[in-house]
Amino acid sequence: MSIESARSFMTKLNTDLIFRNKFASAKNDSERDKFAQEEGFDFTASEIREAIDELTRAAGGGHTCQCGHGHGHGNGHGHDHGHGHTHH
């Protein structure tokens, strides 16, 4: 697990429309977790929060994720992307 993986995930989510749409189409937390893992991402809830905070600061405080979900939660097992689900 790493902050680098979380940063890469956020970058891909913000820049790759197909990736973002596949992620957003997952029906539940388990599917989103599985998708992130299958795509090679591995990070914790705190690491994704840190990556989101970094992107928000870099954008001047605005919300930078283009995934179509709100941000701010996690279960501690995966990573916190605030979509009502976590990723591994």
Protein backbone atom coordinates (compact mmCIF):
# COMPACT_ATOMS: atom_id res chain seq x y z
CA MET A 1 0.00 0.00 0.00
CA SER A 2 1.30 3.41 -0.80
CA ILE A 3 0.51 7.07 -1.21
CA GLU A 4 2.03 6.80 -4.70
CA SER A 5 -0.62 4.24 -5.64
CA ALA A 6 -3.34 6.51 -4.25
CA ARG A 7 -1.98 9.47 -6.24
CA SER A 8 -1.83 7.36 -9.40
CA PHE A 9 -5.41 6.19 -8.84
CA MET A 10 -6.66 9.77 -8.44
CA THR A 11 -4.73 10.92 -11.50
CA LYS A 12 -6.17 8.12 -13.61
CA LEU A 13 -9.67 8.77 -12.26
CA ASN A 14 -9.35 12.43 -13.23
CA THR A 15 -7.78 11.90 -16.66
CA ASP A 16 -9.16 8.63 -18.06
CA LEU A 17 -12.86 8.82 -18.89
CA ILE A 18 -13.21 5.08 -19.60
CA PHE A 19 -11.53 4.20 -16.30
CA ARG A 20 -13.71 6.70 -14.44
CA ASN A 21 -16.90 5.36 -16.04
CA LYS A 22 -16.01 1.75 -15.20
CA PHE A 23 -15.27 2.75 -11.61
CA ALA A 24 -18.48 4.76 -11.31
CA SER A 25 -20.56 1.90 -12.74
CA ALA A 26 -19.60 -0.48 -9.93
CA LYS A 27 -22.75 -1.34 -8.00
CA ASN A 28 -21.30 -1.48 -4.49
CA ASP A 29 -18.21 -1.15 -2.32
CA SER A 30 -17.09 -4.68 -3.01
CA GLU A 31 -17.17 -4.17 -6.78
CA ARG A 32 -15.29 -0.86 -6.47
CA ASP A 33 -12.68 -2.51 -4.25
CA LYS A 34 -12.29 -5.34 -6.74
CA PHE A 35 -12.03 -2.94 -9.68
CA ALA A 36 -9.27 -0.89 -8.01
CA GLN A 37 -7.34 -4.04 -7.12
CA GLU A 38 -7.70 -5.50 -10.61
CA GLU A 39 -6.37 -2.25 -12.04
CA GLY A 40 -3.27 -2.61 -9.87
CA PHE A 41 -3.97 -0.01 -7.17
CA ASP A 42 -3.24 -0.74 -3.52
CA PHE A 43 -3.65 1.95 -0.87
CA THR A 44 -5.24 2.61 2.49
CA ALA A 45 -8.06 4.94 3.47
CA SER A 46 -5.61 7.44 4.91
CA GLU A 47 -3.46 7.33 1.76
CA ILE A 48 -6.38 8.13 -0.54
CA ARG A 49 -7.49 10.92 1.79
CA GLU A 50 -3.98 12.36 1.62
CA ALA A 51 -3.96 12.11 -2.19
CA ILE A 52 -7.36 13.82 -2.40
CA ASP A 53 -6.18 16.56 -0.03
CA GLU A 54 -3.03 17.10 -2.14
CA LEU A 55 -5.06 17.39 -5.34
CA THR A 56 -7.53 19.74 -3.68
CA ARG A 57 -4.72 21.99 -2.45
CA ALA A 58 -3.02 21.94 -5.86
CA ALA A 59 -6.29 23.01 -7.47
CA GLY A 60 -6.65 25.94 -5.09
CA GLY A 61 -9.07 24.26 -2.73
CA GLY A 62 -11.56 23.06 -5.34
CA HIS A 63 -12.75 19.51 -5.71
CA THR A 64 -10.63 17.87 -8.43
CA CYS A 65 -12.03 14.36 -8.72
CA GLN A 66 -14.13 13.91 -11.84
CA CYS A 67 -15.70 10.62 -10.81
CA GLY A 68 -19.13 12.03 -10.09
CA HIS A 69 -19.26 11.09 -6.41
CA GLY A 70 -18.83 12.99 -3.17
CA HIS A 71 -15.71 12.50 -1.08
CA GLY A 72 -15.03 11.76 2.56
CA HIS A 73 -15.42 8.23 4.00
CA GLY A 74 -13.80 4.83 4.24
CA ASN A 75 -13.78 1.63 6.24
CA GLY A 76 -10.09 1.52 7.06
CA HIS A 77 -9.63 -1.71 5.13
CA GLY A 78 -9.30 -0.18 1.72
CA HIS A 79 -8.84 3.47 0.92
CA ASP A 80 -11.09 6.35 1.50
CA HIS A 81 -12.26 7.97 -1.66
CA GLY A 82 -15.49 9.23 -0.19
CA HIS A 83 -17.75 7.50 -2.66
CA GLY A 84 -19.67 5.56 -0.08
CA HIS A 85 -17.19 2.77 -0.69
CA THR A 86 -13.57 1.88 -0.22
CA HIS A 87 -10.87 0.56 -2.51
CA HIS A 88 -7.89 -1.65 -1.94
